[in-house]
Amino acid sequence: MNQNIKNSIIYNVYPTSFYDSNGDGIGDLKGITEKLLYIKQFADIVWINPIYKSPFRDGGYDIEDYYAIDDKFGTMEDLQDLIKEAHKLGLKVLLDLVVGHTSDQHKWFKESAKAERNEYWDYYVWSDDVFGYCPYKHMSGNSDRDGNYLINFFCFQPALNFGFAEKKQSWQYHYTDAVCQKVHGLVIDIIKYYLAMGVDGFRVDLAGSIVKDDVNGKYSCEVWRKIFGKVREEYPDAIFVSEWGQPMYAVKNGDFDIDFFTHCYNEGYNNLFRKEPGTNAFYADGNSFFRPEGKGEAQSFFEYFLYNLEEVKEKGYVSIVTGNHDLPRIAMGRTPEELKTVFAFILALPNVPLIYYGDEIGMPYERLNSKDGGYCRTGARTPMQWSAGKNAGFSAGDGEMYLPIYDNYKDVNVEAQLNEEGSLIKEVQKLVEVKRAYPELFGCGNDFELISDTYPLVFKRTTGKESLICAVNPSEREYTVDHKIGDVLASSNIEMAEDKITLKPISYVWMKVYE
């Protein structure tokens, strides 16, 4: 269990849209490096979405060359400089590990698609007859090879061959076969290449589905344990964060350090934040708990959260996210005051929180025309709004930006909010400062007691003779909580009297009490 990250916060940077250092309208590695000091205000770990050479038909998640940086982002030397500067600030750097599939432009796939058997033939999952029955998502008829190749997502993302949980077709390999072991070796080589450069770890894409027909990720976990075991022989502190949504598998059985709670596998996270139409990557229609109408429920979240906490407590951590590149912005339909309660809740839970770039200022979301295979996700990938100046301070370029900048940038931007008392970014800064000032109260290892899972939310975290009381009221109603008064660490819109806390509409309090 990696104790070095138990008090960490992750900041997720979408590199295309974070900061453009050369005026070409596209964010880049040098731009991220220039903004590392800004990131350090909020986080200890920065996760950067894919920066590898890619046709960019799926936001870089279609990799053409794992060992090359895409020209739009800069060079390998730029990445090395970024890592060096991050480490000077005490920031850890995670890259994206996307090995469930590659681009169909990858050399491996081009060779695998040839009619004659060669050393790359079995790197991908192919059936042996283009006209034969294939019960999996696949592509047909666009290669010289007689067969269909399996895809994980879009048509241009052929699945690498990690094998099947059970061999049912003549063309399938069992996940333990030598062919699949060779793919494991390729993954280990990629990981070690970047760790040797100084990268601190990876967020792992599609972590739970690399082995096909795998129930509960049992065999995928076995593969990851093997891969991580080999890597950690040389890099024992390497950090691996899974895109899974089921920590009881990913962390407990797969040896991941952290697993994200997002919109997949369990409705608890969605019930908190993403039930209204348009607020999720999937179809949504309902009421979120974090809305002023007060019509949602949080019981489903806590049931799943507490179960997973217990399952991973000796192995690693869970992570609750404000958002990511796959989701509409959490600010959608929420005021800055409402967003303060969201941050107060996420940052107080026993987890390794993730802040998606721009959520700390309430970056907006609209459904935009798809770019790079983003579809409904495109509107959450727009340029960071740094100031009210030219191109929202994102770029000094005179040409068209790679993605459009929202019209509200003159009001919603970093510079303006830093100069405004009571702004969202000021509140997030304050919450992070408090969290860092009391690592024992906020760390992942202390006791957790859920006092109320309805309006208002109230929970207690205890270490030794001190406890943190977190009470959050995201509704437009007023509530009172009977509790001994302690030291208020952070709050918004509350009143306190002897043994009573009044939570006015849209409010929260963090309070330290002595047992």
Foldseek 3Di string as FASTA:
>chain_A
DQPVPLLWAEEEDAQQFEFPDPQPQGGALVRVLVCLVVVLLFTQEYEYEAQAADPLLASNLAHQDLPFGHPSHPGPVSVLSSLVSSVVSNHAYAYAARQQWHFCNHPLNLVLLAQDDDPSVQQFQWDQALPDDDPAAWDGDPGNHGTIFHADDDHRTGGTQCFACDDDHPRTDHNPDPSNVVSLVVSLVSQVVVVVSPHQEYEYEPQQPSHDPDPLSQVSLVSLCVSVVVNCVPVVRRAYEYADQQLLPCFLRNLHAEYENDPPDFCLLCQAQNQPALFFLDGHHDHHCLAQAQPTFNPRVVVRVVVSCVSNVPTHFYEYEQDELQGAHSLEVHDLLSLLLVLLVRQQASGRYYYYPQNLQSAHFDQDDDDSNSGSSLRVNHHAQAELDDPSNRRPHPDDNPHDDDPCSHPGHNVNQVVDPPGSNVSSSLSSVLSVVCVVARGNNFDKAWDDRGVWTWIWTDDDFKIKIKTWGSHQAKDKDFAAAAAWSDKDQWDDDGRMIIAHHSMMTIGMDGD
